[in-house]
Amino acid sequence: MLLTAEFELEPDNADAIVKHMRKAWIQRKASQPLSFQAAGRIFKNPRGLSAAALIEQAGLAKTKVGGAEISERDANFVVVHPGASARDVLRLIDLTRSRVQERFAIELELEIAIW
């Protein structure tokens, strides 16, 4: 458990900060399915690993359950198409977790809360 932290920061040029933020935004836009109105990152990355890479290696990229689909841009995102139901998303999450568990013996932890 972390109780305190101390940071030593250095001031930077405003233009350099804006340039860095633009670069990060461009990289995010290129790698995540943000053009879809209903897309969300589903799993936390296991320590030292990428959830997206595990999902791809399990052969699940572009897998669909009803109107829910694993994004081809980033396999850790589920894209929800018109007509999709919450049940579609939950079934796709369950399928993904079980396949990754079977293939790699790694349990993917949810990034989102389901209630």
PDB file of N, CA and C in Angstrom:
ATOM      1  N   MET A   1       0.850  -1.171   0.000  1.00  0.00           N
ATOM      2  CA  MET A   1       0.000   0.000   0.000  1.00  0.00           C
ATOM      3  C   MET A   1       0.893   1.229   0.000  1.00  0.00           C
ATOM      4  N   LEU A   2       0.588   2.166  -0.862  1.00  0.00           N
ATOM      5  CA  LEU A   2       1.340   3.406  -0.970  1.00  0.00           C
ATOM      6  C   LEU A   2       0.631   4.480  -0.154  1.00  0.00           C
ATOM      7  N   LEU A   3       1.346   5.065   0.797  1.00  0.00           N
ATOM      8  CA  LEU A   3       0.739   6.087   1.645  1.00  0.00           C
ATOM      9  C   LEU A   3       1.160   7.497   1.280  1.00  0.00           C
ATOM     10  N   THR A   4       2.394   7.658   0.840  1.00  0.00           N
ATOM     11  CA  THR A   4       2.860   8.988   0.445  1.00  0.00           C
ATOM     12  C   THR A   4       3.756   8.857  -0.777  1.00  0.00           C
ATOM     13  N   ALA A   5       3.906   9.971  -1.455  1.00  0.00           N
ATOM     14  CA  ALA A   5       4.806  10.025  -2.608  1.00  0.00           C
ATOM     15  C   ALA A   5       5.364  11.436  -2.708  1.00  0.00           C
ATOM     16  N   GLU A   6       6.572  11.524  -3.182  1.00  0.00           N
ATOM     17  CA  GLU A   6       7.203  12.826  -3.368  1.00  0.00           C
ATOM     18  C   GLU A   6       7.684  12.911  -4.809  1.00  0.00           C
ATOM     19  N   PHE A   7       7.361  14.008  -5.459  1.00  0.00           N
ATOM     20  CA  PHE A   7       7.734  14.200  -6.859  1.00  0.00           C
ATOM     21  C   PHE A   7       8.609  15.432  -6.988  1.00  0.00           C
ATOM     22  N   GLU A   8       9.559  15.351  -7.877  1.00  0.00           N
ATOM     23  CA  GLU A   8      10.380  16.508  -8.193  1.00  0.00           C
ATOM     24  C   GLU A   8      10.125  16.828  -9.663  1.00  0.00           C
ATOM     25  N   LEU A   9       9.460  17.927  -9.904  1.00  0.00           N
ATOM     26  CA  LEU A   9       9.071  18.307 -11.262  1.00  0.00           C
ATOM     27  C   LEU A   9       9.919  19.464 -11.745  1.00  0.00           C
ATOM     28  N   GLU A  10      10.070  19.515 -13.048  1.00  0.00           N
ATOM     29  CA  GLU A  10      10.806  20.619 -13.651  1.00  0.00           C
ATOM     30  C   GLU A  10       9.881  21.372 -14.589  1.00  0.00           C
ATOM     31  N   PRO A  11       9.937  22.688 -14.564  1.00  0.00           N
ATOM     32  CA  PRO A  11       9.110  23.459 -15.497  1.00  0.00           C
ATOM     33  C   PRO A  11       9.570  23.210 -16.934  1.00  0.00           C
ATOM     34  N   ASP A  12       8.637  23.347 -17.861  1.00  0.00           N
ATOM     35  CA  ASP A  12       8.972  23.145 -19.271  1.00  0.00           C
ATOM     36  C   ASP A  12       8.321  24.245 -20.081  1.00  0.00           C
ATOM     37  N   ASN A  13       8.777  24.390 -21.274  1.00  0.00           N
ATOM     38  CA  ASN A  13       8.276  25.368 -22.217  1.00  0.00           C
ATOM     39  C   ASN A  13       6.850  24.974 -22.625  1.00  0.00           C
ATOM     40  N   ALA A  14       5.946  25.926 -22.633  1.00  0.00           N
ATOM     41  CA  ALA A  14       4.539  25.653 -22.976  1.00  0.00           C
ATOM     42  C   ALA A  14       4.415  25.023 -24.360  1.00  0.00           C
ATOM     43  N   ASP A  15       5.201  25.483 -25.320  1.00  0.00           N
ATOM     44  CA  ASP A  15       5.139  24.919 -26.674  1.00  0.00           C
ATOM     45  C   ASP A  15       5.564  23.442 -26.676  1.00  0.00           C
ATOM     46  N   ALA A  16       6.562  23.104 -25.876  1.00  0.00           N
ATOM     47  CA  ALA A  16       7.026  21.719 -25.797  1.00  0.00           C
ATOM     48  C   ALA A  16       5.943  20.830 -25.185  1.00  0.00           C
ATOM     49  N   ILE A  17       5.244  21.345 -24.188  1.00  0.00           N
ATOM     50  CA  ILE A  17       4.165  20.582 -23.558  1.00  0.00           C
ATOM     51  C   ILE A  17       3.040  20.335 -24.552  1.00  0.00           C
ATOM     52  N   VAL A  18       2.653  21.367 -25.290  1.00  0.00           N
ATOM     53  CA  VAL A  18       1.586  21.232 -26.290  1.00  0.00           C
ATOM     54  C   VAL A  18       2.002  20.231 -27.362  1.00  0.00           C
ATOM     55  N   LYS A  19       3.253  20.306 -27.805  1.00  0.00           N
ATOM     56  CA  LYS A  19       3.755  19.378 -28.821  1.00  0.00           C
ATOM     57  C   LYS A  19       3.693  17.935 -28.312  1.00  0.00           C
ATOM     58  N   HIS A  20       4.082  17.719 -27.061  1.00  0.00           N
ATOM     59  CA  HIS A  20       4.039  16.386 -26.462  1.00  0.00           C
ATOM     60  C   HIS A  20       2.592  15.882 -26.370  1.00  0.00           C
ATOM     61  N   MET A  21       1.680  16.751 -25.961  1.00  0.00           N
ATOM     62  CA  MET A  21       0.273  16.360 -25.838  1.00  0.00           C
ATOM     63  C   MET A  21      -0.319  16.027 -27.207  1.00  0.00           C
ATOM     64  N   ARG A  22       0.017  16.788 -28.231  1.00  0.00           N
ATOM     65  CA  ARG A  22      -0.469  16.497 -29.594  1.00  0.00           C
ATOM     66  C   ARG A  22       0.032  15.142 -30.077  1.00  0.00           C
ATOM     67  N   LYS A  23       1.303  14.879 -29.815  1.00  0.00           N
ATOM     68  CA  LYS A  23       1.885  13.604 -30.239  1.00  0.00           C
ATOM     69  C   LYS A  23       1.158  12.439 -29.556  1.00  0.00           C
ATOM     70  N   ALA A  24       0.908  12.570 -28.258  1.00  0.00           N
ATOM     71  CA  ALA A  24       0.196  11.513 -27.519  1.00  0.00           C
ATOM     72  C   ALA A  24      -1.215  11.335 -28.067  1.00  0.00           C
ATOM     73  N   TRP A  25      -1.890  12.433 -28.388  1.00  0.00           N
ATOM     74  CA  TRP A  25      -3.247  12.362 -28.928  1.00  0.00           C
ATOM     75  C   TRP A  25      -3.247  11.659 -30.290  1.00  0.00           C
ATOM     76  N   ILE A  26      -2.290  11.986 -31.138  1.00  0.00           N
ATOM     77  CA  ILE A  26      -2.197  11.376 -32.467  1.00  0.00           C
ATOM     78  C   ILE A  26      -1.944   9.873 -32.336  1.00  0.00           C
ATOM     79  N   GLN A  27      -1.050   9.482 -31.428  1.00  0.00           N
ATOM     80  CA  GLN A  27      -0.768   8.060 -31.231  1.00  0.00           C
ATOM     81  C   GLN A  27      -2.004   7.328 -30.719  1.00  0.00           C
ATOM     82  N   ARG A  28      -2.731   7.933 -29.784  1.00  0.00           N
ATOM     83  CA  ARG A  28      -3.942   7.317 -29.243  1.00  0.00           C
ATOM     84  C   ARG A  28      -4.992   7.175 -30.334  1.00  0.00           C
ATOM     85  N   LYS A  29      -5.163   8.225 -31.126  1.00  0.00           N
ATOM     86  CA  LYS A  29      -6.167   8.193 -32.189  1.00  0.00           C
ATOM     87  C   LYS A  29      -5.836   7.120 -33.231  1.00  0.00           C
ATOM     88  N   ALA A  30      -4.552   6.911 -33.487  1.00  0.00           N
ATOM     89  CA  ALA A  30      -4.135   5.916 -34.479  1.00  0.00           C
ATOM     90  C   ALA A  30      -4.297   4.491 -33.976  1.00  0.00           C
ATOM     91  N   SER A  31      -4.223   4.295 -32.667  1.00  0.00           N
ATOM     92  CA  SER A  31      -4.226   2.922 -32.157  1.00  0.00           C
ATOM     93  C   SER A  31      -5.539   2.490 -31.510  1.00  0.00           C
ATOM     94  N   GLN A  32      -6.415   3.421 -31.194  1.00  0.00           N
ATOM     95  CA  GLN A  32      -7.659   3.065 -30.520  1.00  0.00           C
ATOM     96  C   GLN A  32      -8.859   3.364 -31.414  1.00  0.00           C
ATOM     97  N   PRO A  33      -9.916   2.581 -31.280  1.00  0.00           N
ATOM     98  CA  PRO A  33     -11.096   2.747 -32.148  1.00  0.00           C
ATOM     99  C   PRO A  33     -11.988   3.893 -31.679  1.00  0.00           C
ATOM    100  N   LEU A  34     -11.428   5.099 -31.609  1.00  0.00           N
ATOM    101  CA  LEU A  34     -12.172   6.230 -31.077  1.00  0.00           C
ATOM    102  C   LEU A  34     -13.175   6.806 -32.068  1.00  0.00           C
ATOM    103  N   SER A  35     -13.154   6.326 -33.305  1.00  0.00           N
ATOM    104  CA  SER A  35     -14.131   6.817 -34.278  1.00  0.00           C
ATOM    105  C   SER A  35     -15.510   6.225 -34.010  1.00  0.00           C
ATOM    106  N   PHE A  36     -15.558   5.154 -33.240  1.00  0.00           N
ATOM    107  CA  PHE A  36     -16.842   4.559 -32.874  1.00  0.00           C
ATOM    108  C   PHE A  36     -17.390   5.286 -31.661  1.00  0.00           C
ATOM    109  N   GLN A  37     -18.684   5.548 -31.659  1.00  0.00           N
ATOM    110  CA  GLN A  37     -19.286   6.235 -30.525  1.00  0.00           C
ATOM    111  C   GLN A  37     -19.318   5.351 -29.288  1.00  0.00           C
ATOM    112  N   ALA A  38     -19.432   4.059 -29.479  1.00  0.00           N
ATOM    113  CA  ALA A  38     -19.549   3.157 -28.344  1.00  0.00           C
ATOM    114  C   ALA A  38     -18.420   2.138 -28.379  1.00  0.00           C
ATOM    115  N   ALA A  39     -17.303   2.502 -27.785  1.00  0.00           N
ATOM    116  CA  ALA A  39     -16.167   1.601 -27.691  1.00  0.00           C
ATOM    117  C   ALA A  39     -15.546   1.810 -26.322  1.00  0.00           C
ATOM    118  N   GLY A  40     -15.056   0.751 -25.721  1.00  0.00           N
ATOM    119  CA  GLY A  40     -14.461   0.901 -24.406  1.00  0.00           C
ATOM    120  C   GLY A  40     -13.362  -0.100 -24.147  1.00  0.00           C
ATOM    121  N   ARG A  41     -12.334   0.346 -23.420  1.00  0.00           N
ATOM    122  CA  ARG A  41     -11.232  -0.512 -23.012  1.00  0.00           C
ATOM    123  C   ARG A  41     -11.761  -1.417 -21.905  1.00  0.00           C
ATOM    124  N   ILE A  42     -11.523  -2.710 -22.009  1.00  0.00           N
ATOM    125  CA  ILE A  42     -12.189  -3.672 -21.139  1.00  0.00           C
ATOM    126  C   ILE A  42     -11.292  -4.235 -20.033  1.00  0.00           C
ATOM    127  N   PHE A  43     -10.061  -4.619 -20.350  1.00  0.00           N
ATOM    128  CA  PHE A  43      -9.221  -5.326 -19.388  1.00  0.00           C
ATOM    129  C   PHE A  43      -7.988  -4.533 -18.968  1.00  0.00           C
ATOM    130  N   LYS A  44      -7.567  -4.745 -17.733  1.00  0.00           N
ATOM    131  CA  LYS A  44      -6.301  -4.188 -17.254  1.00  0.00           C
ATOM    132  C   LYS A  44      -5.174  -5.006 -17.869  1.00  0.00           C
ATOM    133  N   ASN A  45      -4.042  -4.378 -18.097  1.00  0.00           N
ATOM    134  CA  ASN A  45      -2.888  -5.112 -18.583  1.00  0.00           C
ATOM    135  C   ASN A  45      -2.289  -5.921 -17.428  1.00  0.00           C
ATOM    136  N   PRO A  46      -2.119  -7.235 -17.625  1.00  0.00           N
ATOM    137  CA  PRO A  46      -1.437  -8.013 -16.587  1.00  0.00           C
ATOM    138  C   PRO A  46      -0.002  -7.497 -16.444  1.00  0.00           C
ATOM    139  N   ARG A  47       0.561  -7.620 -15.260  1.00  0.00           N
ATOM    140  CA  ARG A  47       1.901  -7.087 -15.004  1.00  0.00           C
ATOM    141  C   ARG A  47       2.895  -7.533 -16.074  1.00  0.00           C
ATOM    142  N   GLY A  48       3.487  -6.545 -16.754  1.00  0.00           N
ATOM    143  CA  GLY A  48       4.509  -6.816 -17.760  1.00  0.00           C
ATOM    144  C   GLY A  48       3.985  -7.325 -19.089  1.00  0.00           C
ATOM    145  N   LEU A  49       2.660  -7.389 -19.254  1.00  0.00           N
ATOM    146  CA  LEU A  49       2.071  -7.907 -20.486  1.00  0.00           C
ATOM    147  C   LEU A  49       1.042  -6.929 -21.033  1.00  0.00           C
ATOM    148  N   SER A  50       0.612  -7.183 -22.237  1.00  0.00           N
ATOM    149  CA  SER A  50      -0.430  -6.386 -22.867  1.00  0.00           C
ATOM    150  C   SER A  50      -1.680  -7.236 -23.027  1.00  0.00           C
ATOM    151  N   ALA A  51      -2.794  -6.780 -22.454  1.00  0.00           N
ATOM    152  CA  ALA A  51      -4.055  -7.507 -22.603  1.00  0.00           C
ATOM    153  C   ALA A  51      -4.421  -7.611 -24.080  1.00  0.00           C
ATOM    154  N   ALA A  52      -4.223  -6.536 -24.829  1.00  0.00           N
ATOM    155  CA  ALA A  52      -4.557  -6.547 -26.256  1.00  0.00           C
ATOM    156  C   ALA A  52      -3.756  -7.619 -26.995  1.00  0.00           C
ATOM    157  N   ALA A  53      -2.467  -7.725 -26.693  1.00  0.00           N
ATOM    158  CA  ALA A  53      -1.622  -8.721 -27.363  1.00  0.00           C
ATOM    159  C   ALA A  53      -2.068 -10.137 -27.005  1.00  0.00           C
ATOM    160  N   LEU A  54      -2.419 -10.367 -25.750  1.00  0.00           N
ATOM    161  CA  LEU A  54      -2.897 -11.692 -25.344  1.00  0.00           C
ATOM    162  C   LEU A  54      -4.185 -12.055 -26.078  1.00  0.00           C
ATOM    163  N   ILE A  55      -5.074 -11.094 -26.194  1.00  0.00           N
ATOM    164  CA  ILE A  55      -6.357 -11.329 -26.875  1.00  0.00           C
ATOM    165  C   ILE A  55      -6.117 -11.641 -28.352  1.00  0.00           C
ATOM    166  N   GLU A  56      -5.223 -10.885 -28.984  1.00  0.00           N
ATOM    167  CA  GLU A  56      -4.888 -11.145 -30.392  1.00  0.00           C
ATOM    168  C   GLU A  56      -4.253 -12.520 -30.544  1.00  0.00           C
ATOM    169  N   GLN A  57      -3.291 -12.860 -29.677  1.00  0.00           N
ATOM    170  CA  GLN A  57      -2.596 -14.141 -29.765  1.00  0.00           C
ATOM    171  C   GLN A  57      -3.530 -15.320 -29.498  1.00  0.00           C
ATOM    172  N   ALA A  58      -4.617 -15.057 -28.788  1.00  0.00           N
ATOM    173  CA  ALA A  58      -5.617 -16.107 -28.556  1.00  0.00           C
ATOM    174  C   ALA A  58      -6.548 -16.246 -29.759  1.00  0.00           C
ATOM    175  N   GLY A  59      -6.313 -15.437 -30.802  1.00  0.00           N
ATOM    176  CA  GLY A  59      -7.097 -15.547 -32.030  1.00  0.00           C
ATOM    177  C   GLY A  59      -8.458 -14.889 -31.957  1.00  0.00           C
ATOM    178  N   LEU A  60      -8.604 -13.898 -31.088  1.00  0.00           N
ATOM    179  CA  LEU A  60      -9.926 -13.303 -30.872  1.00  0.00           C
ATOM    180  C   LEU A  60     -10.145 -11.958 -31.566  1.00  0.00           C
ATOM    181  N   ALA A  61      -9.141 -11.408 -32.223  1.00  0.00           N
ATOM    182  CA  ALA A  61      -9.325 -10.122 -32.894  1.00  0.00           C
ATOM    183  C   ALA A  61     -10.490 -10.213 -33.875  1.00  0.00           C
ATOM    184  N   LYS A  62     -11.349  -9.224 -33.872  1.00  0.00           N
ATOM    185  CA  LYS A  62     -12.526  -9.124 -34.739  1.00  0.00           C
ATOM    186  C   LYS A  62     -13.625 -10.147 -34.410  1.00  0.00           C
ATOM    187  N   THR A  63     -13.514 -10.820 -33.261  1.00  0.00           N
ATOM    188  CA  THR A  63     -14.558 -11.769 -32.851  1.00  0.00           C
ATOM    189  C   THR A  63     -15.815 -10.994 -32.492  1.00  0.00           C
ATOM    190  N   LYS A  64     -16.970 -11.509 -32.938  1.00  0.00           N
ATOM    191  CA  LYS A  64     -18.257 -10.861 -32.666  1.00  0.00           C
ATOM    192  C   LYS A  64     -19.153 -11.783 -31.862  1.00  0.00           C
ATOM    193  N   VAL A  65     -19.898 -11.166 -30.964  1.00  0.00           N
ATOM    194  CA  VAL A  65     -21.006 -11.839 -30.286  1.00  0.00           C
ATOM    195  C   VAL A  65     -22.171 -10.882 -30.416  1.00  0.00           C
ATOM    196  N   GLY A  66     -23.148 -11.244 -31.222  1.00  0.00           N
ATOM    197  CA  GLY A  66     -24.254 -10.327 -31.497  1.00  0.00           C
ATOM    198  C   GLY A  66     -23.711  -9.038 -32.090  1.00  0.00           C
ATOM    199  N   GLY A  67     -24.037  -7.910 -31.458  1.00  0.00           N
ATOM    200  CA  GLY A  67     -23.578  -6.610 -31.951  1.00  0.00           C
ATOM    201  C   GLY A  67     -22.322  -6.098 -31.286  1.00  0.00           C
ATOM    202  N   ALA A  68     -21.676  -6.923 -30.462  1.00  0.00           N
ATOM    203  CA  ALA A  68     -20.433  -6.538 -29.799  1.00  0.00           C
ATOM    204  C   ALA A  68     -19.265  -7.196 -30.518  1.00  0.00           C
ATOM    205  N   GLU A  69     -18.191  -6.443 -30.716  1.00  0.00           N
ATOM    206  CA  GLU A  69     -17.052  -6.950 -31.479  1.00  0.00           C
ATOM    207  C   GLU A  69     -15.747  -6.486 -30.854  1.00  0.00           C
ATOM    208  N   ILE A  70     -14.748  -7.380 -30.853  1.00  0.00           N
ATOM    209  CA  ILE A  70     -13.412  -6.995 -30.428  1.00  0.00           C
ATOM    210  C   ILE A  70     -12.806  -6.175 -31.559  1.00  0.00           C
ATOM    211  N   SER A  71     -12.314  -5.001 -31.215  1.00  0.00           N
ATOM    212  CA  SER A  71     -11.791  -4.080 -32.218  1.00  0.00           C
ATOM    213  C   SER A  71     -10.575  -4.657 -32.931  1.00  0.00           C
ATOM    214  N   GLU A  72     -10.493  -4.418 -34.234  1.00  0.00           N
ATOM    215  CA  GLU A  72      -9.316  -4.848 -34.983  1.00  0.00           C
ATOM    216  C   GLU A  72      -8.153  -3.880 -34.768  1.00  0.00           C
ATOM    217  N   ARG A  73      -8.439  -2.663 -34.332  1.00  0.00           N
ATOM    218  CA  ARG A  73      -7.381  -1.679 -34.067  1.00  0.00           C
ATOM    219  C   ARG A  73      -6.678  -1.927 -32.754  1.00  0.00           C
ATOM    220  N   ASP A  74      -7.428  -2.255 -31.719  1.00  0.00           N
ATOM    221  CA  ASP A  74      -6.883  -2.542 -30.394  1.00  0.00           C
ATOM    222  C   ASP A  74      -7.777  -3.598 -29.770  1.00  0.00           C
ATOM    223  N   ALA A  75      -7.247  -4.803 -29.639  1.00  0.00           N
ATOM    224  CA  ALA A  75      -8.057  -5.939 -29.195  1.00  0.00           C
ATOM    225  C   ALA A  75      -8.533  -5.814 -27.751  1.00  0.00           C
ATOM    226  N   ASN A  76      -8.084  -4.797 -27.032  1.00  0.00           N
ATOM    227  CA  ASN A  76      -8.571  -4.586 -25.673  1.00  0.00           C
ATOM    228  C   ASN A  76      -9.765  -3.632 -25.655  1.00  0.00           C
ATOM    229  N   PHE A  77     -10.287  -3.325 -26.810  1.00  0.00           N
ATOM    230  CA  PHE A  77     -11.481  -2.490 -26.914  1.00  0.00           C
ATOM    231  C   PHE A  77     -12.613  -3.319 -27.489  1.00  0.00           C
ATOM    232  N   VAL A  78     -13.791  -3.149 -26.918  1.00  0.00           N
ATOM    233  CA  VAL A  78     -14.998  -3.763 -27.477  1.00  0.00           C
ATOM    234  C   VAL A  78     -15.792  -2.639 -28.129  1.00  0.00           C
ATOM    235  N   VAL A  79     -16.131  -2.851 -29.379  1.00  0.00           N
ATOM    236  CA  VAL A  79     -16.919  -1.896 -30.147  1.00  0.00           C
ATOM    237  C   VAL A  79     -18.360  -2.402 -30.145  1.00  0.00           C
ATOM    238  N   VAL A  80     -19.281  -1.501 -29.879  1.00  0.00           N
ATOM    239  CA  VAL A  80     -20.693  -1.867 -29.824  1.00  0.00           C
ATOM    240  C   VAL A  80     -21.400  -1.275 -31.033  1.00  0.00           C
ATOM    241  N   HIS A  81     -21.923  -2.140 -31.870  1.00  0.00           N
ATOM    242  CA  HIS A  81     -22.620  -1.722 -33.079  1.00  0.00           C
ATOM    243  C   HIS A  81     -24.111  -1.517 -32.776  1.00  0.00           C
ATOM    244  N   PRO A  82     -24.817  -0.794 -33.651  1.00  0.00           N
ATOM    245  CA  PRO A  82     -26.263  -0.598 -33.442  1.00  0.00           C
ATOM    246  C   PRO A  82     -26.973  -1.934 -33.260  1.00  0.00           C
ATOM    247  N   GLY A  83     -27.863  -1.981 -32.285  1.00  0.00           N
ATOM    248  CA  GLY A  83     -28.618  -3.194 -32.016  1.00  0.00           C
ATOM    249  C   GLY A  83     -27.957  -4.117 -31.005  1.00  0.00           C
ATOM    250  N   ALA A  84     -26.751  -3.792 -30.577  1.00  0.00           N
ATOM    251  CA  ALA A  84     -26.061  -4.633 -29.597  1.00  0.00           C
ATOM    252  C   ALA A  84     -26.755  -4.530 -28.245  1.00  0.00           C
ATOM    253  N   SER A  85     -26.631  -5.588 -27.465  1.00  0.00           N
ATOM    254  CA  SER A  85     -27.211  -5.579 -26.119  1.00  0.00           C
ATOM    255  C   SER A  85     -26.089  -5.712 -25.094  1.00  0.00           C
ATOM    256  N   ALA A  86     -26.419  -5.398 -23.857  1.00  0.00           N
ATOM    257  CA  ALA A  86     -25.459  -5.588 -22.768  1.00  0.00           C
ATOM    258  C   ALA A  86     -25.077  -7.062 -22.678  1.00  0.00           C
ATOM    259  N   ARG A  87     -26.039  -7.926 -22.937  1.00  0.00           N
ATOM    260  CA  ARG A  87     -25.770  -9.372 -22.907  1.00  0.00           C
ATOM    261  C   ARG A  87     -24.701  -9.752 -23.939  1.00  0.00           C
ATOM    262  N   ASP A  88     -24.731  -9.132 -25.130  1.00  0.00           N
ATOM    263  CA  ASP A  88     -23.709  -9.387 -26.153  1.00  0.00           C
ATOM    264  C   ASP A  88     -22.323  -9.035 -25.617  1.00  0.00           C
ATOM    265  N   VAL A  89     -22.218  -7.877 -25.003  1.00  0.00           N
ATOM    266  CA  VAL A  89     -20.931  -7.411 -24.468  1.00  0.00           C
ATOM    267  C   VAL A  89     -20.451  -8.354 -23.362  1.00  0.00           C
ATOM    268  N   LEU A  90     -21.326  -8.717 -22.455  1.00  0.00           N
ATOM    269  CA  LEU A  90     -20.945  -9.600 -21.352  1.00  0.00           C
ATOM    270  C   LEU A  90     -20.525 -10.977 -21.848  1.00  0.00           C
ATOM    271  N   ARG A  91     -21.208 -11.496 -22.848  1.00  0.00           N
ATOM    272  CA  ARG A  91     -20.839 -12.800 -23.419  1.00  0.00           C
ATOM    273  C   ARG A  91     -19.481 -12.724 -24.105  1.00  0.00           C
ATOM    274  N   LEU A  92     -19.212 -11.606 -24.789  1.00  0.00           N
ATOM    275  CA  LEU A  92     -17.923 -11.423 -25.449  1.00  0.00           C
ATOM    276  C   LEU A  92     -16.804 -11.307 -24.411  1.00  0.00           C
ATOM    277  N   ILE A  93     -17.058 -10.606 -23.326  1.00  0.00           N
ATOM    278  CA  ILE A  93     -16.078 -10.501 -22.242  1.00  0.00           C
ATOM    279  C   ILE A  93     -15.789 -11.880 -21.657  1.00  0.00           C
ATOM    280  N   ASP A  94     -16.825 -12.643 -21.383  1.00  0.00           N
ATOM    281  CA  ASP A  94     -16.644 -13.994 -20.834  1.00  0.00           C
ATOM    282  C   ASP A  94     -15.858 -14.884 -21.790  1.00  0.00           C
ATOM    283  N   LEU A  95     -16.193 -14.830 -23.064  1.00  0.00           N
ATOM    284  CA  LEU A  95     -15.480 -15.615 -24.073  1.00  0.00           C
ATOM    285  C   LEU A  95     -14.000 -15.241 -24.096  1.00  0.00           C
ATOM    286  N   THR A  96     -13.732 -13.956 -24.085  1.00  0.00           N
ATOM    287  CA  THR A  96     -12.351 -13.465 -24.135  1.00  0.00           C
ATOM    288  C   THR A  96     -11.567 -13.930 -22.914  1.00  0.00           C
ATOM    289  N   ARG A  97     -12.147 -13.756 -21.739  1.00  0.00           N
ATOM    290  CA  ARG A  97     -11.454 -14.162 -20.511  1.00  0.00           C
ATOM    291  C   ARG A  97     -11.175 -15.664 -20.500  1.00  0.00           C
ATOM    292  N   SER A  98     -12.151 -16.466 -20.921  1.00  0.00           N
ATOM    293  CA  SER A  98     -11.954 -17.919 -20.874  1.00  0.00           C
ATOM    294  C   SER A  98     -10.913 -18.372 -21.895  1.00  0.00           C
ATOM    295  N   ARG A  99     -10.913 -17.803 -23.090  1.00  0.00           N
ATOM    296  CA  ARG A  99      -9.922 -18.207 -24.103  1.00  0.00           C
ATOM    297  C   ARG A  99      -8.505 -17.824 -23.696  1.00  0.00           C
ATOM    298  N   VAL A 100      -8.345 -16.616 -23.142  1.00  0.00           N
ATOM    299  CA  VAL A 100      -7.014 -16.187 -22.690  1.00  0.00           C
ATOM    300  C   VAL A 100      -6.562 -17.071 -21.524  1.00  0.00           C
ATOM    301  N   GLN A 101      -7.471 -17.404 -20.624  1.00  0.00           N
ATOM    302  CA  GLN A 101      -7.148 -18.289 -19.496  1.00  0.00           C
ATOM    303  C   GLN A 101      -6.714 -19.666 -19.998  1.00  0.00           C
ATOM    304  N   GLU A 102      -7.468 -20.217 -20.960  1.00  0.00           N
ATOM    305  CA  GLU A 102      -7.145 -21.538 -21.517  1.00  0.00           C
ATOM    306  C   GLU A 102      -5.781 -21.539 -22.203  1.00  0.00           C
ATOM    307  N   ARG A 103      -5.528 -20.508 -22.985  1.00  0.00           N
ATOM    308  CA  ARG A 103      -4.316 -20.475 -23.817  1.00  0.00           C
ATOM    309  C   ARG A 103      -3.063 -20.113 -23.036  1.00  0.00           C
ATOM    310  N   PHE A 104      -3.180 -19.145 -22.088  1.00  0.00           N
ATOM    311  CA  PHE A 104      -1.989 -18.618 -21.428  1.00  0.00           C
ATOM    312  C   PHE A 104      -1.981 -18.812 -19.912  1.00  0.00           C
ATOM    313  N   ALA A 105      -3.051 -19.363 -19.352  1.00  0.00           N
ATOM    314  CA  ALA A 105      -3.183 -19.503 -17.892  1.00  0.00           C
ATOM    315  C   ALA A 105      -3.059 -18.139 -17.205  1.00  0.00           C
ATOM    316  N   ILE A 106      -3.645 -17.135 -17.832  1.00  0.00           N
ATOM    317  CA  ILE A 106      -3.654 -15.778 -17.278  1.00  0.00           C
ATOM    318  C   ILE A 106      -5.102 -15.329 -17.179  1.00  0.00           C
ATOM    319  N   GLU A 107      -5.472 -14.856 -16.001  1.00  0.00           N
ATOM    320  CA  GLU A 107      -6.833 -14.363 -15.804  1.00  0.00           C
ATOM    321  C   GLU A 107      -6.849 -12.855 -16.043  1.00  0.00           C
ATOM    322  N   LEU A 108      -7.588 -12.448 -17.049  1.00  0.00           N
ATOM    323  CA  LEU A 108      -7.701 -11.019 -17.338  1.00  0.00           C
ATOM    324  C   LEU A 108      -8.629 -10.363 -16.320  1.00  0.00           C
ATOM    325  N   GLU A 109      -8.149  -9.257 -15.759  1.00  0.00           N
ATOM    326  CA  GLU A 109      -8.935  -8.500 -14.784  1.00  0.00           C
ATOM    327  C   GLU A 109      -9.648  -7.361 -15.492  1.00  0.00           C
ATOM    328  N   LEU A 110     -10.892  -7.157 -15.154  1.00  0.00           N
ATOM    329  CA  LEU A 110     -11.675  -6.107 -15.801  1.00  0.00           C
ATOM    330  C   LEU A 110     -11.182  -4.714 -15.438  1.00  0.00           C
ATOM    331  N   GLU A 111     -11.145  -3.848 -16.424  1.00  0.00           N
ATOM    332  CA  GLU A 111     -10.844  -2.434 -16.236  1.00  0.00           C
ATOM    333  C   GLU A 111     -12.131  -1.697 -15.848  1.00  0.00           C
ATOM    334  N   ILE A 112     -13.244  -2.254 -16.272  1.00  0.00           N
ATOM    335  CA  ILE A 112     -14.548  -1.629 -16.049  1.00  0.00           C
ATOM    336  C   ILE A 112     -15.253  -2.305 -14.877  1.00  0.00           C
ATOM    337  N   ALA A 113     -16.216  -1.605 -14.321  1.00  0.00           N
ATOM    338  CA  ALA A 113     -17.041  -2.187 -13.266  1.00  0.00           C
ATOM    339  C   ALA A 113     -18.369  -2.597 -13.871  1.00  0.00           C
ATOM    340  N   ILE A 114     -18.784  -3.811 -13.577  1.00  0.00           N
ATOM    341  CA  ILE A 114     -20.078  -4.308 -14.058  1.00  0.00           C
ATOM    342  C   ILE A 114     -20.977  -4.459 -12.842  1.00  0.00           C
ATOM    343  N   TRP A 115     -22.138  -3.805 -12.885  1.00  0.00           N
ATOM    344  CA  TRP A 115     -23.062  -3.882 -11.739  1.00  0.00           C
ATOM    345  C   TRP A 115     -24.460  -4.048 -12.213  1.00  0.00           C
TER     346      TRP A 115
END
